Amino acid sequence: MPADVPAAVRISEVGPRDGLQSVKATMPTQAKLRWIDALVAAGLCEIEVGSFVPAQRLPQMADVADVVRHALTHPGITVMALAPNLRGAQAAVAAGVHKLTLPVSASAAHSLANVRKTREAMVEEVRAVVRLRDAEAPGMLVEVGLSTAFGCTLQGAVPEDDVIWLAALCAEAGADEVGLSDTTGMANPAQVRRLFTRLRAELGDKAGAAHMHNTRGLGLANCLAAYDVGVRTFDASLGGLGGCPYAPGASGNVVTEDLVFMFEAMGIATGVNLPRLMAARAPLQAGLPGEPIYGMTPEAGLPKGWTPG
C-alpha cells in the first residue's frame, strides 16, 4: 500500500452481544437473526453474536447456540462469541464459532464482580481455554479483552503497569490477541495513546482491538487516538446499544454508524456501506421496541453529495 494511503480498519460489531446483554428486554431469536442479516448486508465482516453464559444469569443470551448456527450460514464473516470460562468455551467450540473472546479484568474488583474470579485465576482460565482450542478447534482464534483497562467504577484508577503485566500474562498463556476495553468510559486520548503504545511494544502483533465507550463523549476521540498509534480493529455497537451490567455507571458503546462515518470521511476504508448500516437500525428497533438508540450520523444524515473518502 502506498505510504500516502491510510491503512484500512476492521469494525467489529458487538451489539448482538455487548448491546443485548446490557438491556433488560430480551430480543426474540428471529429478530436477532434478522438484525444479524442486516449487519452482514451492510458489509460488517466480524460480528460478536452472543455470550455463552448460564441462561439464569443472562437470559438475553439463552439462544446463543441458535444465533451462532444462523450466523455461520453467512460466508466470509468472522462469527465471534464471548465466554467467561472454560465451560462457556466448550459450548462455543461445540457451536463452531470462529473467534472466542475471554473477558479478563485489569481491575481486581471488577474481576470478582464480573466473573467471580481473581485476575490470576482468569489467566489460568485463558490457559485452559487455549488447551481446549488446540485439542478440539485448532482453527478458532482466542482473543482476550482486557476490561476496565482505563479505570473502574468499583476500584477507581487502574495502574497502567497492571494492565501491561496482565496483557503479557494472557499472551504468554496462549491468547492470539489481547485488546484493551474502556468498560467504564473513563479513558482519554492521551491515556489511550500511551497504553496502546505500551501494549504494542510489549506484545507486538498480539496487540489487539480497541473497545471504547462513549460514556463521557470521548469514544470517537479515543478510537482516533488508538488508530494514530497503530490499532486497526475497533469494536462498536449499532445505535450505541450496551454497556456493562457488572460495572455500575458504565454505558454507551461507541456508535458503529458514527465510527464508520469518521473513518470513511477521513479516507480510511472500513468496507461498510453506511446507508445499509443505518438501515440495520430498523430490525434492531423492531426487535427491541422502545429501547433508546443513539447516533449523531443517523440523526443528521449523510452530507449532501457525500461519498466515502
Protein backbone atom coordinates (compact mmCIF):
# COMPACT_ATOMS: atom_id res chain seq x y z
CA MET A 1 0.00 0.00 0.00
CA PRO A 2 1.44 3.44 -0.88
CA ALA A 3 2.56 5.47 2.10
CA ASP A 4 0.01 8.23 1.39
CA VAL A 5 -2.96 5.82 1.51
CA PRO A 6 -4.33 5.43 5.07
CA ALA A 7 -4.42 1.89 6.40
CA ALA A 8 -7.86 0.26 6.40
CA VAL A 9 -9.59 -0.74 9.63
CA ARG A 10 -11.81 -3.59 10.75
CA ILE A 11 -15.03 -2.70 12.53
CA SER A 12 -16.07 -5.49 14.88
CA GLU A 13 -19.80 -5.21 15.61
CA VAL A 14 -20.53 -6.18 19.22
CA GLY A 15 -24.16 -5.07 19.52
CA PRO A 16 -25.71 -8.56 19.39
CA ARG A 17 -23.62 -9.47 22.42
CA ASP A 18 -22.47 -6.42 24.40
CA GLY A 19 -25.55 -4.45 23.44
CA LEU A 20 -28.22 -7.04 24.05
CA GLN A 21 -26.82 -8.37 27.30
CA SER A 22 -26.85 -4.85 28.75
CA VAL A 23 -30.56 -4.13 28.29
CA LYS A 24 -33.38 -5.54 30.38
CA ALA A 25 -35.56 -6.70 27.50
CA THR A 26 -34.83 -9.93 25.62
CA MET A 27 -34.84 -9.67 21.85
CA PRO A 28 -36.72 -12.59 20.25
CA THR A 29 -34.48 -15.03 18.43
CA GLN A 30 -35.96 -14.39 14.99
CA ALA A 31 -35.47 -10.66 15.48
CA LYS A 32 -31.81 -11.26 16.33
CA LEU A 33 -31.36 -13.25 13.15
CA ARG A 34 -32.95 -10.52 11.02
CA TRP A 35 -30.69 -7.94 12.69
CA ILE A 36 -27.56 -10.00 12.05
CA ASP A 37 -28.62 -10.47 8.41
CA ALA A 38 -28.87 -6.69 8.06
CA LEU A 39 -25.45 -6.18 9.62
CA VAL A 40 -23.92 -8.66 7.19
CA ALA A 41 -25.68 -6.94 4.28
CA ALA A 42 -24.06 -3.67 5.37
CA GLY A 43 -20.62 -5.21 4.93
CA LEU A 44 -19.58 -5.88 8.51
CA CYS A 45 -17.12 -8.77 8.37
CA GLU A 46 -16.80 -9.53 12.10
CA ILE A 47 -19.81 -9.80 14.41
CA GLU A 48 -19.91 -10.82 18.07
CA VAL A 49 -23.25 -12.60 18.10
CA GLY A 50 -23.64 -13.60 21.76
CA SER A 51 -22.26 -14.89 25.05
CA PHE A 52 -22.03 -18.47 26.26
CA VAL A 53 -23.13 -17.84 29.82
CA PRO A 54 -25.73 -19.52 32.07
CA ALA A 55 -29.23 -18.59 30.95
CA GLN A 56 -30.29 -17.80 34.51
CA ARG A 57 -27.55 -15.17 34.70
CA LEU A 58 -28.16 -13.55 31.31
CA PRO A 59 -31.48 -14.75 29.84
CA GLN A 60 -30.88 -12.43 26.88
CA MET A 61 -28.23 -14.93 25.71
CA ALA A 62 -30.18 -18.18 26.22
CA ASP A 63 -30.50 -18.74 22.46
CA VAL A 64 -26.83 -18.10 21.64
CA ALA A 65 -26.20 -21.51 20.05
CA ASP A 66 -29.11 -20.98 17.63
CA VAL A 67 -27.87 -17.50 16.81
CA VAL A 68 -24.36 -18.79 16.11
CA ARG A 69 -25.75 -21.54 13.90
CA HIS A 70 -27.58 -18.96 11.80
CA ALA A 71 -24.63 -16.54 11.62
CA LEU A 72 -22.41 -19.34 10.33
CA THR A 73 -24.60 -19.60 7.23
CA HIS A 74 -23.16 -16.27 6.05
CA PRO A 75 -19.92 -16.91 4.14
CA GLY A 76 -16.95 -14.64 4.60
CA ILE A 77 -17.70 -13.24 8.06
CA THR A 78 -16.00 -13.96 11.36
CA VAL A 79 -18.55 -15.20 13.88
CA MET A 80 -17.46 -14.25 17.39
CA ALA A 81 -18.82 -15.03 20.83
CA LEU A 82 -17.81 -14.32 24.39
CA ALA A 83 -17.26 -16.96 27.06
CA PRO A 84 -16.23 -16.10 30.63
CA ASN A 85 -14.79 -19.52 31.46
CA LEU A 86 -13.86 -22.99 30.22
CA ARG A 87 -17.43 -24.29 30.41
CA GLY A 88 -18.66 -21.50 28.19
CA ALA A 89 -15.72 -22.05 25.82
CA GLN A 90 -16.66 -25.72 25.50
CA ALA A 91 -20.15 -24.72 24.39
CA ALA A 92 -18.73 -22.14 21.98
CA VAL A 93 -16.40 -24.73 20.43
CA ALA A 94 -19.34 -27.12 20.03
CA ALA A 95 -21.33 -24.38 18.32
CA GLY A 96 -18.48 -23.72 15.88
CA VAL A 97 -17.59 -20.07 16.48
CA HIS A 98 -14.63 -18.70 14.54
CA LYS A 99 -13.33 -16.49 17.33
CA LEU A 100 -13.78 -16.60 21.10
CA THR A 101 -13.41 -13.61 23.39
CA LEU A 102 -12.49 -14.06 27.04
CA PRO A 103 -13.11 -11.11 29.39
CA VAL A 104 -10.18 -10.56 31.76
CA SER A 105 -10.47 -7.56 34.07
CA ALA A 106 -7.50 -5.31 34.70
CA SER A 107 -9.30 -4.17 37.86
CA ALA A 108 -9.17 -6.70 40.69
CA ALA A 109 -12.56 -5.52 42.00
CA HIS A 110 -14.26 -5.76 38.60
CA SER A 111 -12.84 -9.24 38.03
CA LEU A 112 -14.59 -10.53 41.14
CA ALA A 113 -17.84 -8.73 40.24
CA ASN A 114 -17.87 -9.77 36.58
CA VAL A 115 -16.56 -13.34 36.51
CA ARG A 116 -16.19 -14.15 40.24
CA LYS A 117 -12.51 -14.95 39.85
CA THR A 118 -9.25 -13.18 40.60
CA ARG A 119 -7.18 -11.84 37.73
CA GLU A 120 -4.61 -14.59 38.22
CA ALA A 121 -7.33 -17.24 38.13
CA MET A 122 -8.59 -15.78 34.85
CA VAL A 123 -5.14 -16.13 33.32
CA GLU A 124 -5.29 -19.84 34.19
CA GLU A 125 -8.75 -19.93 32.59
CA VAL A 126 -7.22 -18.48 29.42
CA ARG A 127 -4.57 -21.21 29.52
CA ALA A 128 -7.25 -23.91 29.88
CA VAL A 129 -9.31 -22.49 27.00
CA VAL A 130 -6.23 -22.41 24.75
CA ARG A 131 -5.59 -26.07 25.56
CA LEU A 132 -9.20 -26.85 24.65
CA ARG A 133 -8.88 -24.90 21.40
CA ASP A 134 -5.64 -26.65 20.46
CA ALA A 135 -7.21 -30.06 21.08
CA GLU A 136 -10.68 -29.59 19.57
CA ALA A 137 -10.81 -26.50 17.35
CA PRO A 138 -7.32 -25.55 16.14
CA GLY A 139 -8.70 -23.03 13.65
CA MET A 140 -10.51 -20.99 16.28
CA LEU A 141 -8.94 -17.73 17.44
CA VAL A 142 -8.81 -16.89 21.15
CA GLU A 143 -8.95 -13.19 21.99
CA VAL A 144 -8.66 -11.60 25.43
CA GLY A 145 -10.42 -8.31 26.02
CA LEU A 146 -8.81 -6.56 28.99
CA SER A 147 -11.81 -4.84 30.53
CA THR A 148 -11.57 -1.79 32.82
CA ALA A 149 -8.12 -1.14 31.33
CA PHE A 150 -8.58 2.62 31.63
CA GLY A 151 -10.33 2.83 35.00
CA CYS A 152 -13.00 1.13 37.07
CA THR A 153 -16.19 2.40 38.72
CA LEU A 154 -15.65 -0.10 41.55
CA GLN A 155 -11.92 0.27 42.16
CA GLY A 156 -11.16 3.69 40.70
CA ALA A 157 -7.84 4.15 38.95
CA VAL A 158 -6.21 1.05 37.44
CA PRO A 159 -2.40 1.26 37.33
CA GLU A 160 -1.12 1.13 33.77
CA ASP A 161 1.63 -1.25 34.86
CA ASP A 162 -1.10 -3.68 35.97
CA VAL A 163 -2.68 -3.55 32.53
CA ILE A 164 0.57 -4.35 30.72
CA TRP A 165 1.50 -7.04 33.27
CA LEU A 166 -1.84 -8.77 32.79
CA ALA A 167 -1.74 -8.43 29.00
CA ALA A 168 1.67 -10.10 28.93
CA LEU A 169 0.42 -12.96 31.12
CA CYS A 170 -2.58 -13.54 28.83
CA ALA A 171 -0.36 -13.57 25.73
CA GLU A 172 2.03 -15.97 27.43
CA ALA A 173 -0.96 -18.18 28.28
CA GLY A 174 -1.64 -18.56 24.56
CA ALA A 175 -4.14 -15.85 23.61
CA ASP A 176 -3.85 -14.92 19.93
CA GLU A 177 -4.74 -11.29 20.62
CA VAL A 178 -5.07 -9.07 23.68
CA GLY A 179 -7.09 -5.87 23.30
CA LEU A 180 -7.96 -3.06 25.69
CA SER A 181 -11.50 -2.14 26.74
CA ASP A 182 -12.69 1.14 28.21
CA THR A 183 -15.51 -0.65 30.01
CA THR A 184 -16.48 2.33 32.14
CA GLY A 185 -15.90 5.18 29.67
CA MET A 186 -13.13 6.74 31.77
CA ALA A 187 -10.40 6.87 29.08
CA ASN A 188 -9.00 9.99 27.44
CA PRO A 189 -7.00 10.22 24.20
CA ALA A 190 -3.61 10.79 25.85
CA GLN A 191 -4.13 7.73 28.05
CA VAL A 192 -5.27 5.67 25.05
CA ARG A 193 -2.17 6.58 23.05
CA ARG A 194 0.09 5.80 26.00
CA LEU A 195 -1.43 2.43 26.89
CA PHE A 196 -1.79 1.12 23.34
CA THR A 197 1.77 2.22 22.57
CA ARG A 198 2.96 0.22 25.58
CA LEU A 199 0.74 -2.73 24.65
CA ARG A 200 2.10 -2.88 21.11
CA ALA A 201 5.68 -2.59 22.37
CA GLU A 202 5.05 -5.46 24.81
CA LEU A 203 3.01 -7.82 22.62
CA GLY A 204 3.87 -6.95 19.02
CA ASP A 205 1.35 -8.47 16.61
CA LYS A 206 -0.63 -9.94 19.53
CA ALA A 207 -1.80 -6.44 20.49
CA GLY A 208 -5.49 -6.41 19.64
CA ALA A 209 -8.61 -4.30 19.36
CA ALA A 210 -9.76 -1.06 20.94
CA HIS A 211 -13.13 -1.35 22.66
CA MET A 212 -14.21 2.16 23.63
CA HIS A 213 -17.29 3.55 25.32
CA ASN A 214 -18.81 6.97 24.80
CA THR A 215 -19.94 7.45 28.40
CA ARG A 216 -18.26 10.86 28.67
CA GLY A 217 -18.36 11.79 25.00
CA LEU A 218 -14.81 10.73 24.13
CA GLY A 219 -15.47 7.47 22.30
CA LEU A 220 -14.57 8.64 18.79
CA ALA A 221 -11.62 10.72 20.00
CA ASN A 222 -10.27 7.67 21.81
CA CYS A 223 -10.70 5.47 18.72
CA LEU A 224 -8.81 8.00 16.62
CA ALA A 225 -6.04 8.15 19.25
CA ALA A 226 -5.77 4.35 19.10
CA TYR A 227 -5.65 4.46 15.29
CA ASP A 228 -2.83 7.01 15.44
CA VAL A 229 -0.62 4.54 17.35
CA GLY A 230 -1.33 1.57 15.10
CA VAL A 231 -4.59 -0.06 16.23
CA ARG A 232 -6.58 -1.35 13.26
CA THR A 233 -9.53 -3.24 14.83
CA PHE A 234 -12.28 -1.36 16.65
CA ASP A 235 -15.32 -2.67 18.49
CA ALA A 236 -18.57 -0.74 18.13
CA SER A 237 -22.28 -1.26 18.65
CA LEU A 238 -25.07 -0.26 16.28
CA GLY A 239 -27.04 2.58 17.82
CA GLY A 240 -24.58 2.71 20.73
CA LEU A 241 -26.50 -0.11 22.39
CA GLY A 242 -24.95 -1.56 25.51
CA GLY A 243 -22.52 -1.06 28.34
CA CYS A 244 -21.57 -3.47 31.11
CA PRO A 245 -24.11 -4.90 33.59
CA TYR A 246 -21.37 -5.55 36.17
CA ALA A 247 -19.76 -2.09 36.16
CA PRO A 248 -22.13 0.46 37.74
CA GLY A 249 -22.37 3.62 35.67
CA ALA A 250 -20.94 2.05 32.52
CA SER A 251 -22.90 3.00 29.43
CA GLY A 252 -22.67 3.89 25.82
CA ASN A 253 -20.65 1.77 23.42
CA VAL A 254 -19.18 3.69 20.52
CA VAL A 255 -21.87 4.04 17.85
CA THR A 256 -20.96 1.94 14.82
CA GLU A 257 -22.57 4.38 12.40
CA ASP A 258 -20.57 7.34 13.75
CA LEU A 259 -17.30 5.38 13.84
CA VAL A 260 -17.71 4.21 10.23
CA PHE A 261 -18.57 7.74 9.12
CA MET A 262 -15.49 9.17 10.83
CA PHE A 263 -13.09 6.71 9.26
CA GLU A 264 -14.66 6.78 5.79
CA ALA A 265 -14.74 10.60 5.78
CA MET A 266 -11.00 10.52 6.52
CA GLY A 267 -10.35 8.19 3.61
CA ILE A 268 -9.79 5.18 5.86
CA ALA A 269 -11.60 2.19 4.39
CA THR A 270 -13.93 0.14 6.60
CA GLY A 271 -15.65 -2.00 3.95
CA VAL A 272 -19.00 -0.95 5.41
CA ASN A 273 -21.85 0.57 3.40
CA LEU A 274 -23.19 3.43 5.51
CA PRO A 275 -26.74 3.65 4.09
CA ARG A 276 -27.17 -0.09 4.61
CA LEU A 277 -25.65 0.19 8.07
CA MET A 278 -28.17 2.84 9.04
CA ALA A 279 -30.95 0.69 7.59
CA ALA A 280 -29.88 -2.05 10.02
CA ARG A 281 -31.28 0.12 12.82
CA ALA A 282 -34.81 -0.84 11.71
CA PRO A 283 -34.60 -4.54 12.67
CA LEU A 284 -32.84 -3.55 15.90
CA GLN A 285 -35.67 -1.21 16.84
CA ALA A 286 -38.30 -3.73 15.75
CA GLY A 287 -36.74 -6.37 18.00
CA LEU A 288 -36.40 -4.01 20.98
CA PRO A 289 -39.35 -1.62 20.71
CA GLY A 290 -38.97 1.38 22.97
CA GLU A 291 -35.27 0.81 23.69
CA PRO A 292 -33.37 4.09 23.09
CA ILE A 293 -30.61 4.01 20.49
CA TYR A 294 -28.17 6.74 19.62
CA GLY A 295 -26.01 8.13 16.85
CA MET A 296 -25.21 11.58 15.53
CA THR A 297 -24.74 10.43 11.92
CA PRO A 298 -28.15 8.70 11.61
CA GLU A 299 -29.86 11.74 13.14
CA ALA A 300 -28.09 14.30 10.94
CA GLY A 301 -27.92 12.17 7.80
CA LEU A 302 -25.03 11.97 5.39
CA PRO A 303 -23.75 15.26 3.97
CA LYS A 304 -25.11 16.27 0.57
CA GLY A 305 -23.10 14.61 -2.16
CA TRP A 306 -21.08 12.62 0.39
CA THR A 307 -19.08 9.68 -0.80
CA PRO A 308 -16.52 7.64 1.16
CA GLY A 309 -13.18 9.46 1.25
